N, C-alpha and C. Protein backbone atom coordinates (compact mmCIF):
# COMPACT_ATOMS: atom_id res chain seq x y z
N MET A 1 1.11 -1.29 -0.07
CA MET A 1 -0.25 0.20 -0.09
C MET A 1 0.71 1.00 0.06
N ALA A 2 0.62 2.19 -1.05
CA ALA A 2 0.82 3.49 -0.90
C ALA A 2 1.10 4.33 0.44
N GLU A 3 2.01 5.16 0.94
CA GLU A 3 2.09 5.98 1.92
C GLU A 3 1.45 7.23 1.41
N GLU A 4 0.25 7.62 2.16
CA GLU A 4 -0.08 8.93 1.89
C GLU A 4 0.52 10.19 2.30
N PRO A 5 0.46 10.98 1.52
CA PRO A 5 1.26 12.16 1.91
C PRO A 5 0.78 12.84 3.14
N VAL A 6 1.62 13.80 3.85
CA VAL A 6 0.82 14.37 5.01
C VAL A 6 1.57 15.51 5.09
N ILE A 7 0.92 16.73 5.82
CA ILE A 7 0.84 18.15 5.98
C ILE A 7 2.05 18.17 7.48
N GLU A 8 3.16 18.78 7.07
CA GLU A 8 4.25 19.12 8.19
C GLU A 8 3.91 20.69 8.88
N LEU A 9 3.58 21.07 9.77
CA LEU A 9 3.30 22.44 10.20
C LEU A 9 4.00 22.42 11.57
N GLU A 10 3.97 23.84 12.10
CA GLU A 10 4.75 23.91 13.53
C GLU A 10 3.27 24.49 13.90
N GLY A 11 3.30 24.26 15.43
CA GLY A 11 2.05 25.02 15.97
C GLY A 11 2.54 25.03 17.74
N LYS A 12 1.64 25.77 18.44
CA LYS A 12 1.78 26.25 19.89
C LYS A 12 1.04 25.13 20.67
N ILE A 13 1.38 24.79 21.46
CA ILE A 13 0.16 23.89 22.69
C ILE A 13 -0.37 25.13 23.32
N LEU A 14 -1.71 24.87 23.33
CA LEU A 14 -2.41 25.77 24.18
C LEU A 14 -2.99 25.13 25.55
N GLN A 15 -3.28 23.96 25.40
CA GLN A 15 -3.95 23.18 26.49
C GLN A 15 -3.60 21.90 26.41
N VAL A 16 -3.39 21.03 27.65
CA VAL A 16 -3.31 19.58 28.08
C VAL A 16 -4.37 18.95 28.14
N LEU A 17 -4.87 17.77 27.73
CA LEU A 17 -6.14 17.14 28.10
C LEU A 17 -5.82 15.66 28.36
N PRO A 18 -6.67 15.23 28.82
CA PRO A 18 -6.83 13.70 29.53
C PRO A 18 -6.21 12.83 28.24
N GLY A 19 -5.32 11.50 28.49
CA GLY A 19 -5.17 10.92 27.56
C GLY A 19 -4.11 11.20 26.73
N THR A 20 -3.19 11.68 27.04
CA THR A 20 -1.94 12.45 26.40
C THR A 20 -2.43 12.98 25.26
N MET A 21 -3.27 14.13 25.07
CA MET A 21 -3.98 14.83 23.82
C MET A 21 -3.53 16.16 24.23
N PHE A 22 -3.38 16.77 23.47
CA PHE A 22 -3.59 18.48 23.15
C PHE A 22 -4.19 19.43 22.54
N ARG A 23 -4.47 20.47 22.65
CA ARG A 23 -5.01 21.54 21.67
C ARG A 23 -3.93 22.17 21.32
N ILE A 24 -3.77 22.37 20.08
CA ILE A 24 -2.64 22.99 19.21
C ILE A 24 -3.40 24.01 18.66
N GLU A 25 -2.42 24.99 18.28
CA GLU A 25 -2.95 26.34 17.67
C GLU A 25 -2.02 26.37 16.52
N LEU A 26 -2.35 26.46 15.34
CA LEU A 26 -1.52 26.27 14.00
C LEU A 26 -0.98 27.90 13.69
N PRO A 27 -0.41 28.07 12.62
CA PRO A 27 -0.09 29.35 12.23
C PRO A 27 -1.04 30.18 11.66
N ASN A 28 -2.03 29.60 11.20
CA ASN A 28 -3.55 30.16 10.47
C ASN A 28 -4.17 30.41 11.40
N LYS A 29 -4.03 30.14 12.45
CA LYS A 29 -4.86 30.32 14.00
C LYS A 29 -5.94 29.15 13.86
N HIS A 30 -6.29 28.21 13.57
CA HIS A 30 -6.86 26.78 13.29
C HIS A 30 -6.41 26.27 14.52
N VAL A 31 -7.44 25.82 15.28
CA VAL A 31 -7.12 24.94 16.80
C VAL A 31 -7.12 23.50 16.18
N VAL A 32 -6.41 22.52 16.42
CA VAL A 32 -6.94 21.06 16.23
C VAL A 32 -6.13 20.25 17.46
N LEU A 33 -6.63 18.83 17.39
CA LEU A 33 -6.37 18.24 18.44
C LEU A 33 -5.37 17.09 17.67
N GLY A 34 -4.36 17.50 19.10
CA GLY A 34 -3.04 16.33 18.71
C GLY A 34 -2.54 15.53 19.84
N ARG A 35 -2.16 14.17 19.31
CA ARG A 35 -1.39 13.35 20.14
C ARG A 35 -0.05 13.25 20.02
N ILE A 36 0.65 12.52 20.75
CA ILE A 36 2.03 12.15 20.87
C ILE A 36 2.40 11.15 20.07
N SER A 37 3.47 11.23 18.84
CA SER A 37 3.82 10.32 18.34
C SER A 37 4.53 9.14 19.51
N GLY A 38 4.49 8.45 18.85
CA GLY A 38 5.46 6.82 19.59
C GLY A 38 6.63 6.93 20.27
N ARG A 39 7.38 7.64 19.21
CA ARG A 39 8.77 8.27 19.20
C ARG A 39 9.07 9.05 20.50
N LEU A 40 8.18 9.87 20.44
CA LEU A 40 8.31 11.07 22.00
C LEU A 40 7.67 10.10 22.97
N ARG A 41 6.46 9.26 22.93
CA ARG A 41 6.25 8.66 24.06
C ARG A 41 7.41 7.63 24.71
N LYS A 42 8.02 7.01 23.78
CA LYS A 42 8.98 6.12 24.35
C LYS A 42 10.10 6.57 24.80
N ASN A 43 10.71 7.85 24.46
CA ASN A 43 11.94 8.54 25.00
C ASN A 43 11.27 9.73 26.13
N PHE A 44 9.80 9.75 26.60
CA PHE A 44 9.51 10.64 27.97
C PHE A 44 9.76 11.76 27.43
N ILE A 45 9.65 12.38 26.28
CA ILE A 45 9.47 13.84 26.19
C ILE A 45 8.48 14.51 26.81
N ARG A 46 8.65 15.53 27.65
CA ARG A 46 7.48 16.05 28.15
C ARG A 46 6.89 17.29 27.27
N ILE A 47 5.64 17.54 27.21
CA ILE A 47 5.15 18.67 26.62
C ILE A 47 3.91 19.66 27.27
N ASN A 48 4.36 20.85 27.44
CA ASN A 48 3.73 21.97 28.28
C ASN A 48 3.01 22.70 27.45
N PRO A 49 1.88 23.31 28.23
CA PRO A 49 1.25 24.29 27.43
C PRO A 49 2.38 25.70 27.25
N GLY A 50 2.46 26.19 25.90
CA GLY A 50 3.17 26.94 25.56
C GLY A 50 4.42 26.61 24.94
N ASP A 51 4.78 25.66 24.84
CA ASP A 51 5.94 24.61 24.06
C ASP A 51 5.41 24.79 22.51
N ARG A 52 6.53 25.12 21.47
CA ARG A 52 6.30 25.03 20.44
C ARG A 52 6.25 23.56 19.61
N VAL A 53 5.68 22.78 18.89
CA VAL A 53 5.68 21.66 18.24
C VAL A 53 5.64 22.07 17.04
N LYS A 54 6.24 20.62 16.41
CA LYS A 54 5.87 20.14 14.83
C LYS A 54 5.11 19.03 14.60
N VAL A 55 4.21 18.87 14.01
CA VAL A 55 3.02 18.35 14.09
C VAL A 55 2.89 17.71 12.33
N GLU A 56 2.33 16.51 12.22
CA GLU A 56 1.97 16.32 10.68
C GLU A 56 0.53 15.81 10.92
N MET A 57 -0.06 16.25 10.06
CA MET A 57 -1.53 16.14 9.97
C MET A 57 -1.59 15.39 8.59
N SER A 58 -2.97 14.52 8.44
CA SER A 58 -3.43 14.19 7.15
C SER A 58 -4.46 14.98 6.23
N PRO A 59 -4.21 14.71 5.04
CA PRO A 59 -5.13 15.70 4.07
C PRO A 59 -6.39 15.11 4.23
N ALA A 60 -6.99 14.11 4.86
CA ALA A 60 -8.26 13.68 4.58
C ALA A 60 -8.81 14.12 6.13
N ASP A 61 -8.30 14.60 7.26
CA ASP A 61 -8.55 14.61 8.36
C ASP A 61 -7.83 16.28 8.82
N LEU A 62 -8.32 17.11 8.84
CA LEU A 62 -7.61 18.48 9.10
C LEU A 62 -8.11 18.83 10.29
N THR A 63 -8.74 18.23 11.24
CA THR A 63 -9.12 18.25 12.48
C THR A 63 -8.09 17.91 14.03
N GLN A 64 -7.23 16.59 13.36
CA GLN A 64 -6.55 15.76 13.71
C GLN A 64 -5.12 15.91 13.72
N ALA A 65 -3.89 16.14 14.27
CA ALA A 65 -2.58 16.09 14.16
C ALA A 65 -1.74 14.95 15.34
N ARG A 66 -0.62 14.70 14.62
CA ARG A 66 0.20 13.73 15.29
C ARG A 66 1.61 14.61 15.54
N ILE A 67 1.85 14.94 17.34
CA ILE A 67 2.76 15.53 17.30
C ILE A 67 4.22 14.85 17.44
N ILE A 68 5.30 15.20 16.48
CA ILE A 68 6.45 14.65 16.13
C ILE A 68 7.87 15.32 16.72
N PHE A 69 7.60 16.23 17.13
CA PHE A 69 8.67 16.83 17.57
C PHE A 69 8.55 18.16 18.73
N ARG A 70 8.81 18.28 19.30
CA ARG A 70 9.16 19.47 20.59
C ARG A 70 10.45 20.61 19.99
N LEU A 71 9.96 21.58 19.59
CA LEU A 71 10.85 22.79 19.27
C LEU A 71 11.43 23.21 20.64
N ARG A 72 12.77 23.25 20.66
CA ARG A 72 13.34 24.03 21.13
C ARG A 72 13.46 25.46 21.58
N ASP A 73 12.97 26.10 22.60
CA ASP A 73 12.73 27.45 22.62
C ASP A 73 14.59 28.27 23.30
N PHE A 74 14.74 28.89 22.30
CA PHE A 74 16.52 29.50 22.69
C PHE A 74 16.42 30.80 23.67
N ASN A 75 15.92 30.59 24.60
CA ASN A 75 15.90 31.74 25.45
C ASN A 75 17.01 31.35 26.81
N PRO A 76 18.31 31.84 26.46
CA PRO A 76 18.85 31.50 27.54
C PRO A 76 18.94 32.44 29.19
N ARG A 77 19.26 31.92 29.89
CA ARG A 77 19.31 32.80 31.03
C ARG A 77 19.78 33.76 30.96
N PRO A 78 19.39 35.32 31.58
CA PRO A 78 20.13 36.50 31.78
C PRO A 78 21.39 36.47 32.63
N MET A 79 22.47 37.36 32.08
CA MET A 79 23.59 37.20 32.54
C MET A 79 23.31 37.60 33.75
N ASP A 80 22.87 38.45 34.46
CA ASP A 80 22.54 39.25 35.83
C ASP A 80 22.02 38.23 36.58
N ALA A 81 21.39 37.05 36.37
CA ALA A 81 20.60 36.32 37.19
C ALA A 81 22.01 34.98 37.61
N ALA A 82 21.29 34.69 38.93
CA ALA A 82 22.45 34.05 39.84
C ALA A 82 22.70 32.60 39.33
N PRO A 83 23.20 31.89 39.44
CA PRO A 83 23.72 30.33 38.76
C PRO A 83 22.52 29.57 39.47
N PRO A 84 22.16 28.24 39.28
CA PRO A 84 21.12 27.63 40.21
C PRO A 84 21.93 27.08 41.24
N LYS A 85 21.19 27.15 42.32
CA LYS A 85 22.37 26.69 43.51
C LYS A 85 21.92 24.91 43.44
N LYS A 86 23.19 24.52 44.12
CA LYS A 86 23.29 22.94 43.98
C LYS A 86 22.62 22.18 45.00
N ARG A 87 21.89 21.04 45.03
CA ARG A 87 21.58 20.26 46.02
C ARG A 87 22.35 19.27 46.34
N TYR A 88 22.62 18.59 47.39
CA TYR A 88 23.50 17.58 47.67
C TYR A 88 22.80 16.31 48.44
């Protein structure tokens, strides 16, 4: 069977729902329901509200998406902030 094409987009997590499901806002302001892919589940990748994620969607159903990657936010700590305290 041929693999059907997928649509890859970036989105932002709006809400965490029960059963490892998420509400995701896409760049075009549409809100879709997303699930975690098996690779993210296997590697215990945590996803929180506000995280940017990469999703893939089927052209047949544009209301659901699969989260395939959590994008890193490059917001370094301010230079004047104290380093974290070590706990022993």
